[in-house]
Amino acid sequence: MNASDRFNAIQEQARETDTYWVEKAIIECTEEMVARMEDAGLNRSELARRLGKKPAFVTKLLRGNNNFTFETAVKIARALDTEFVPHLRPKGWKTQWMDYSPPKPEESPIPLNLKKQEYGQDVSAVATGDENETFALTA
């Protein structure tokens, strides 16, 4: 067994543990937080100010070595003028997110045509929000 095969075997074994999935979720959430900070032009100090916390708190969050609560996630989202949208998908399925600003009343709506034959299996769409909607397409 070569090094690549050993690595793949170790990675598959890791995917069977809760620790792997917790760390993956923390990394993904942290990356999303950084992206939203960049979009808003916010630095760590400004986010900390909005959260009513010290900059060290934000630094800890961005290092990814924490396990924060939904309450903290919601507060971070609100401080970033975003929404926290948790999503559970069936095991083995893939999810594709599409965030968009809905059209103004005078504009045509954005069609969301999901056809079974295009995806080869059932597709579900989840929409949330008032002014801006987030669709979670799960196939």
Protein backbone atom coordinates (compact mmCIF):
# COMPACT_ATOMS: atom_id res chain seq x y z
CA MET A 1 0.00 0.00 0.00
CA ASN A 2 1.49 3.32 -1.07
CA ALA A 3 1.30 6.60 0.85
CA SER A 4 -1.71 7.84 -1.15
CA ASP A 5 -3.69 4.67 -0.41
CA ARG A 6 -2.81 4.90 3.29
CA PHE A 7 -3.90 8.54 3.39
CA ASN A 8 -7.21 7.70 1.69
CA ALA A 9 -7.82 4.85 4.14
CA ILE A 10 -7.12 7.12 7.12
CA GLN A 11 -9.41 9.79 5.67
CA GLU A 12 -12.25 7.29 5.16
CA GLN A 13 -11.79 6.03 8.71
CA ALA A 14 -11.91 9.60 10.04
CA ARG A 15 -15.20 10.25 8.20
CA GLU A 16 -16.81 7.63 10.41
CA THR A 17 -16.22 9.74 13.54
CA ASP A 18 -18.26 12.59 15.01
CA THR A 19 -15.04 14.56 15.51
CA TYR A 20 -14.45 14.70 11.75
CA TRP A 21 -17.93 16.11 11.08
CA VAL A 22 -17.76 18.58 13.98
CA GLU A 23 -14.42 19.93 12.76
CA LYS A 24 -15.72 20.11 9.19
CA ALA A 25 -18.76 22.13 10.34
CA ILE A 26 -16.57 24.50 12.37
CA ILE A 27 -14.25 25.07 9.40
CA GLU A 28 -17.14 25.69 7.01
CA CYS A 29 -18.87 28.07 9.42
CA THR A 30 -15.62 29.94 10.07
CA GLU A 31 -14.94 30.26 6.33
CA GLU A 32 -18.46 31.58 5.79
CA MET A 33 -18.01 34.08 8.62
CA VAL A 34 -14.74 35.34 7.10
CA ALA A 35 -16.39 35.66 3.67
CA ARG A 36 -19.27 37.70 5.12
CA MET A 37 -16.81 39.90 7.04
CA GLU A 38 -14.92 40.55 3.81
CA ASP A 39 -18.16 41.29 1.94
CA ALA A 40 -19.10 43.84 4.61
CA GLY A 41 -15.59 45.28 4.82
CA LEU A 42 -15.41 44.46 8.55
CA ASN A 43 -12.29 43.72 10.52
CA ARG A 44 -12.13 41.73 13.75
CA SER A 45 -12.32 44.78 15.97
CA GLU A 46 -15.48 46.08 14.32
CA LEU A 47 -17.18 42.68 14.50
CA ALA A 48 -16.22 42.46 18.18
CA ARG A 49 -17.68 45.91 18.79
CA ARG A 50 -20.95 44.90 17.12
CA LEU A 51 -21.08 41.75 19.23
CA GLY A 52 -20.31 43.64 22.43
CA LYS A 53 -17.21 41.48 22.90
CA LYS A 54 -13.47 41.94 23.02
CA PRO A 55 -11.47 41.43 19.80
CA ALA A 56 -9.90 38.33 21.39
CA PHE A 57 -13.34 36.67 21.25
CA VAL A 58 -13.51 37.14 17.47
CA THR A 59 -9.92 35.96 17.10
CA LYS A 60 -10.85 32.78 18.96
CA LEU A 61 -13.85 32.27 16.67
CA LEU A 62 -11.75 32.77 13.55
CA ARG A 63 -9.13 30.29 14.71
CA GLY A 64 -11.85 27.66 14.60
CA ASN A 65 -10.86 26.08 17.90
CA ASN A 66 -14.24 26.52 19.53
CA ASN A 67 -17.65 24.91 19.53
CA PHE A 68 -20.06 27.81 19.66
CA THR A 69 -23.81 27.58 20.16
CA PHE A 70 -26.67 28.43 17.80
CA GLU A 71 -27.16 31.52 19.97
CA THR A 72 -23.62 32.68 19.20
CA ALA A 73 -24.06 31.83 15.50
CA VAL A 74 -27.26 33.91 15.36
CA LYS A 75 -25.56 36.85 17.11
CA ILE A 76 -22.63 36.67 14.68
CA ALA A 77 -25.01 36.53 11.71
CA ARG A 78 -26.96 39.53 12.96
CA ALA A 79 -23.74 41.48 13.61
CA LEU A 80 -22.79 40.75 9.99
CA ASP A 81 -26.26 41.83 8.78
CA THR A 82 -26.94 38.28 7.61
CA GLU A 83 -29.11 35.38 8.73
CA PHE A 84 -28.03 32.09 10.27
CA VAL A 85 -29.68 29.30 8.28
CA PRO A 86 -28.97 25.80 9.62
CA HIS A 87 -29.71 22.91 7.30
CA LEU A 88 -29.84 19.15 7.80
CA ARG A 89 -29.67 17.07 4.64
CA PRO A 90 -30.17 13.37 4.09
CA LYS A 91 -26.95 11.35 4.37
CA GLY A 92 -25.22 10.91 1.04
CA TRP A 93 -27.04 13.79 -0.63
CA LYS A 94 -25.39 16.99 -1.86
CA THR A 95 -26.61 20.54 -1.20
CA GLN A 96 -26.24 23.56 -3.44
CA TRP A 97 -26.94 26.97 -1.92
CA MET A 98 -28.27 29.86 -3.95
CA ASP A 99 -28.60 33.21 -2.20
CA TYR A 100 -30.26 35.94 -4.21
CA SER A 101 -32.10 39.18 -3.72
CA PRO A 102 -35.68 38.67 -4.90
CA PRO A 103 -36.92 40.87 -7.72
CA LYS A 104 -38.73 44.09 -6.99
CA PRO A 105 -42.51 43.92 -7.51
CA GLU A 106 -42.19 45.53 -10.94
CA GLU A 107 -39.68 42.87 -12.07
CA SER A 108 -40.37 39.33 -13.16
CA PRO A 109 -39.76 36.68 -10.49
CA ILE A 110 -36.71 34.45 -10.76
CA PRO A 111 -37.98 31.04 -11.86
CA LEU A 112 -36.93 28.02 -9.85
CA ASN A 113 -37.76 25.18 -12.20
CA LEU A 114 -36.66 21.90 -10.70
CA LYS A 115 -37.47 18.92 -12.84
CA LYS A 116 -36.92 15.34 -11.79
CA GLN A 117 -35.58 14.34 -15.20
CA GLU A 118 -32.86 17.03 -15.01
CA TYR A 119 -31.48 15.70 -11.72
CA GLY A 120 -32.30 12.02 -11.99
CA GLN A 121 -33.97 11.96 -8.56
CA ASP A 122 -36.31 13.93 -6.40
CA VAL A 123 -35.22 17.47 -5.59
CA SER A 124 -36.39 19.48 -2.60
CA ALA A 125 -36.10 23.23 -2.26
CA VAL A 126 -36.16 25.12 1.03
CA ALA A 127 -36.77 28.87 1.01
CA THR A 128 -36.40 31.15 4.02
CA GLY A 129 -36.31 34.85 4.71
CA ASP A 130 -38.47 37.86 3.94
CA GLU A 131 -36.57 40.35 1.82
CA ASN A 132 -33.83 37.99 0.70
CA GLU A 133 -34.42 34.30 0.23
CA THR A 134 -32.01 31.42 0.57
CA PHE A 135 -32.75 28.25 -1.32
CA ALA A 136 -31.19 24.99 -0.27
CA LEU A 137 -31.39 22.63 -3.19
CA THR A 138 -30.90 19.07 -2.11
CA ALA A 139 -30.53 16.33 -4.65
